[in-house]
Amino acid sequence: SSPPSSQFKATFQESYQVYKRYQMVVHKDPPDKPTINQVRLVPVSFEDPQFKSSFNQSATLFAKYQMAVHKDTPSECGENE
């Protein structure tokens, strides 16, 4: 949504720190590589028609990523995960 909500703004730094830690631990990025400019966090409503229409495609892409990068099993990549 645009402009970002107050909740998005209030939690952005915390979200960025989670992203940064993930990149450093999982992908072995150096501490200066995961920058705020790389983060593309976009607040979204689960009721948004555009979100709903792209959910299955996003879930499929997420599952492929998790299985390829993290060696998760298909059952660990379900939409409830």
N, C-alpha and C. Protein backbone atom coordinates (compact mmCIF):
# COMPACT_ATOMS: atom_id res chain seq x y z
N SER A 1 0.84 -1.18 0.00
CA SER A 1 0.00 0.00 0.00
C SER A 1 0.88 1.24 0.00
N SER A 2 0.34 2.27 -0.51
CA SER A 2 1.11 3.50 -0.56
C SER A 2 0.19 4.64 -0.17
N PRO A 3 0.57 5.43 0.75
CA PRO A 3 1.84 5.42 1.49
C PRO A 3 1.86 4.29 2.53
N PRO A 4 3.06 3.89 2.97
CA PRO A 4 3.17 2.83 3.97
C PRO A 4 2.40 3.19 5.24
N SER A 5 1.80 2.19 5.85
CA SER A 5 1.02 2.43 7.07
C SER A 5 1.94 2.76 8.24
N SER A 6 1.34 3.26 9.30
CA SER A 6 2.13 3.58 10.49
C SER A 6 2.71 2.31 11.10
N GLN A 7 1.98 1.19 11.02
CA GLN A 7 2.50 -0.08 11.54
C GLN A 7 3.72 -0.53 10.74
N PHE A 8 3.65 -0.40 9.42
CA PHE A 8 4.78 -0.75 8.58
C PHE A 8 6.01 0.08 8.95
N LYS A 9 5.80 1.38 9.08
CA LYS A 9 6.92 2.27 9.44
C LYS A 9 7.48 1.92 10.82
N ALA A 10 6.59 1.60 11.77
CA ALA A 10 7.02 1.31 13.14
C ALA A 10 7.80 0.00 13.24
N THR A 11 7.56 -0.93 12.34
CA THR A 11 8.22 -2.25 12.42
C THR A 11 9.29 -2.45 11.36
N PHE A 12 9.52 -1.45 10.51
CA PHE A 12 10.46 -1.63 9.40
C PHE A 12 11.87 -1.98 9.88
N GLN A 13 12.40 -1.26 10.85
CA GLN A 13 13.77 -1.53 11.30
C GLN A 13 13.90 -2.95 11.84
N GLU A 14 12.92 -3.40 12.58
CA GLU A 14 12.94 -4.77 13.10
C GLU A 14 12.89 -5.78 11.95
N SER A 15 12.05 -5.52 10.97
CA SER A 15 11.97 -6.40 9.80
C SER A 15 13.29 -6.42 9.04
N TYR A 16 13.89 -5.26 8.91
CA TYR A 16 15.18 -5.18 8.22
C TYR A 16 16.24 -5.99 8.96
N GLN A 17 16.26 -5.91 10.29
CA GLN A 17 17.25 -6.66 11.06
C GLN A 17 17.05 -8.17 10.89
N VAL A 18 15.81 -8.63 10.81
CA VAL A 18 15.54 -10.05 10.56
C VAL A 18 16.07 -10.43 9.18
N TYR A 19 15.76 -9.61 8.17
CA TYR A 19 16.25 -9.85 6.81
C TYR A 19 17.78 -9.90 6.79
N LYS A 20 18.41 -8.94 7.43
CA LYS A 20 19.87 -8.86 7.44
C LYS A 20 20.48 -10.11 8.09
N ARG A 21 19.93 -10.50 9.22
CA ARG A 21 20.44 -11.69 9.93
C ARG A 21 20.26 -12.93 9.06
N TYR A 22 19.11 -13.05 8.42
CA TYR A 22 18.85 -14.17 7.52
C TYR A 22 19.90 -14.22 6.41
N GLN A 23 20.13 -13.09 5.76
CA GLN A 23 21.10 -13.05 4.67
C GLN A 23 22.50 -13.43 5.15
N MET A 24 22.88 -12.99 6.33
CA MET A 24 24.21 -13.28 6.85
C MET A 24 24.35 -14.75 7.27
N VAL A 25 23.33 -15.29 7.91
CA VAL A 25 23.41 -16.67 8.41
C VAL A 25 23.22 -17.69 7.29
N VAL A 26 22.17 -17.52 6.53
CA VAL A 26 21.82 -18.52 5.51
C VAL A 26 22.69 -18.38 4.26
N HIS A 27 22.87 -17.15 3.80
CA HIS A 27 23.59 -16.94 2.55
C HIS A 27 25.03 -16.48 2.74
N LYS A 28 25.44 -16.37 4.00
CA LYS A 28 26.82 -16.00 4.33
C LYS A 28 27.21 -14.63 3.78
N ASP A 29 26.25 -13.72 3.66
CA ASP A 29 26.56 -12.37 3.23
C ASP A 29 27.38 -11.65 4.31
N PRO A 30 28.33 -10.80 3.91
CA PRO A 30 29.04 -10.00 4.91
C PRO A 30 28.08 -8.97 5.51
N PRO A 31 28.36 -8.48 6.72
CA PRO A 31 27.44 -7.56 7.40
C PRO A 31 27.08 -6.30 6.62
N ASP A 32 27.96 -5.84 5.74
CA ASP A 32 27.66 -4.61 5.01
C ASP A 32 26.88 -4.85 3.71
N LYS A 33 26.66 -6.11 3.33
CA LYS A 33 25.97 -6.37 2.07
C LYS A 33 24.45 -6.21 2.15
N PRO A 34 23.78 -6.78 3.15
CA PRO A 34 22.32 -6.61 3.16
C PRO A 34 21.93 -5.19 3.60
N THR A 35 21.72 -4.31 2.64
CA THR A 35 21.41 -2.92 2.96
C THR A 35 19.91 -2.69 2.98
N ILE A 36 19.52 -1.60 3.60
CA ILE A 36 18.10 -1.23 3.64
C ILE A 36 17.57 -1.05 2.22
N ASN A 37 18.39 -0.55 1.32
CA ASN A 37 17.94 -0.34 -0.06
C ASN A 37 17.61 -1.64 -0.77
N GLN A 38 18.16 -2.76 -0.29
CA GLN A 38 17.85 -4.05 -0.91
C GLN A 38 16.50 -4.59 -0.46
N VAL A 39 16.04 -4.13 0.67
CA VAL A 39 14.80 -4.64 1.23
C VAL A 39 13.63 -4.05 0.46
N ARG A 40 12.79 -4.91 -0.02
CA ARG A 40 11.61 -4.46 -0.75
C ARG A 40 10.37 -4.97 -0.02
N LEU A 41 10.23 -4.55 1.22
CA LEU A 41 9.08 -4.96 2.02
C LEU A 41 7.93 -4.03 1.69
N VAL A 42 6.83 -4.61 1.30
CA VAL A 42 5.68 -3.81 0.92
C VAL A 42 4.49 -4.25 1.76
N PRO A 43 3.91 -3.34 2.51
CA PRO A 43 2.74 -3.72 3.27
C PRO A 43 1.60 -4.08 2.33
N VAL A 44 0.87 -5.13 2.66
CA VAL A 44 -0.21 -5.58 1.78
C VAL A 44 -1.37 -6.09 2.62
N SER A 45 -2.54 -5.92 2.11
CA SER A 45 -3.73 -6.47 2.74
C SER A 45 -3.99 -7.84 2.12
N PHE A 46 -4.27 -8.82 2.96
CA PHE A 46 -4.57 -10.16 2.45
C PHE A 46 -5.87 -10.18 1.66
N GLU A 47 -6.66 -9.13 1.79
CA GLU A 47 -7.92 -9.03 1.06
C GLU A 47 -7.74 -8.32 -0.29
N ASP A 48 -6.56 -7.79 -0.55
CA ASP A 48 -6.28 -7.08 -1.79
C ASP A 48 -6.44 -8.03 -2.97
N PRO A 49 -7.24 -7.68 -3.98
CA PRO A 49 -7.45 -8.57 -5.13
C PRO A 49 -6.15 -8.92 -5.85
N GLN A 50 -5.23 -7.99 -5.95
CA GLN A 50 -3.96 -8.27 -6.62
C GLN A 50 -3.15 -9.29 -5.82
N PHE A 51 -3.17 -9.18 -4.48
CA PHE A 51 -2.48 -10.16 -3.65
C PHE A 51 -3.10 -11.53 -3.82
N LYS A 52 -4.43 -11.59 -3.74
CA LYS A 52 -5.13 -12.87 -3.87
C LYS A 52 -4.85 -13.52 -5.22
N SER A 53 -4.82 -12.73 -6.28
CA SER A 53 -4.63 -13.31 -7.61
C SER A 53 -3.21 -13.83 -7.83
N SER A 54 -2.24 -13.34 -7.06
CA SER A 54 -0.87 -13.79 -7.25
C SER A 54 -0.40 -14.76 -6.16
N PHE A 55 -1.29 -15.09 -5.21
CA PHE A 55 -0.87 -15.92 -4.08
C PHE A 55 -0.36 -17.29 -4.51
N ASN A 56 -1.07 -17.99 -5.37
CA ASN A 56 -0.64 -19.33 -5.77
C ASN A 56 0.71 -19.31 -6.47
N GLN A 57 0.91 -18.33 -7.33
CA GLN A 57 2.19 -18.21 -8.02
C GLN A 57 3.31 -17.92 -7.01
N SER A 58 3.05 -17.06 -6.05
CA SER A 58 4.04 -16.74 -5.02
C SER A 58 4.34 -17.95 -4.15
N ALA A 59 3.31 -18.71 -3.78
CA ALA A 59 3.50 -19.90 -2.95
C ALA A 59 4.33 -20.95 -3.69
N THR A 60 4.09 -21.10 -4.99
CA THR A 60 4.86 -22.05 -5.79
C THR A 60 6.32 -21.63 -5.87
N LEU A 61 6.56 -20.36 -6.10
CA LEU A 61 7.92 -19.85 -6.17
C LEU A 61 8.63 -20.01 -4.82
N PHE A 62 7.93 -19.71 -3.73
CA PHE A 62 8.48 -19.88 -2.39
C PHE A 62 8.89 -21.33 -2.15
N ALA A 63 8.01 -22.27 -2.52
CA ALA A 63 8.31 -23.69 -2.32
C ALA A 63 9.54 -24.11 -3.12
N LYS A 64 9.63 -23.67 -4.36
CA LYS A 64 10.81 -24.00 -5.18
C LYS A 64 12.08 -23.46 -4.55
N TYR A 65 12.03 -22.24 -4.06
CA TYR A 65 13.18 -21.63 -3.40
C TYR A 65 13.57 -22.42 -2.15
N GLN A 66 12.60 -22.70 -1.30
CA GLN A 66 12.89 -23.42 -0.06
C GLN A 66 13.49 -24.80 -0.33
N MET A 67 12.98 -25.50 -1.33
CA MET A 67 13.50 -26.83 -1.64
C MET A 67 14.90 -26.75 -2.25
N ALA A 68 15.14 -25.77 -3.11
CA ALA A 68 16.44 -25.66 -3.76
C ALA A 68 17.51 -25.12 -2.83
N VAL A 69 17.22 -24.09 -2.10
CA VAL A 69 18.22 -23.42 -1.27
C VAL A 69 18.35 -24.06 0.11
N HIS A 70 17.23 -24.38 0.72
CA HIS A 70 17.24 -24.86 2.10
C HIS A 70 17.02 -26.36 2.22
N LYS A 71 16.80 -27.01 1.09
CA LYS A 71 16.61 -28.47 1.04
C LYS A 71 15.39 -28.91 1.84
N ASP A 72 14.38 -28.05 1.92
CA ASP A 72 13.13 -28.41 2.58
C ASP A 72 12.40 -29.45 1.74
N THR A 73 11.58 -30.25 2.39
CA THR A 73 10.75 -31.20 1.67
C THR A 73 9.48 -30.48 1.19
N PRO A 74 8.80 -31.04 0.19
CA PRO A 74 7.56 -30.40 -0.27
C PRO A 74 6.55 -30.17 0.86
N SER A 75 6.46 -31.12 1.79
CA SER A 75 5.48 -30.96 2.88
C SER A 75 5.85 -29.80 3.82
N GLU A 76 7.11 -29.41 3.84
CA GLU A 76 7.53 -28.28 4.66
C GLU A 76 7.30 -26.94 3.97
N CYS A 77 6.87 -26.99 2.73
CA CYS A 77 6.70 -25.78 1.94
C CYS A 77 5.25 -25.50 1.59
N GLY A 78 4.32 -26.09 2.30
CA GLY A 78 2.91 -25.86 2.03
C GLY A 78 2.52 -24.43 2.35
N GLU A 79 1.35 -24.02 1.87
CA GLU A 79 0.94 -22.63 2.06
C GLU A 79 0.72 -22.29 3.53
N ASN A 80 0.54 -23.27 4.39
CA ASN A 80 0.40 -22.99 5.82
C ASN A 80 1.74 -22.83 6.51
N GLU A 81 2.80 -23.16 5.84
CA GLU A 81 4.13 -23.00 6.41
C GLU A 81 4.58 -21.57 6.21
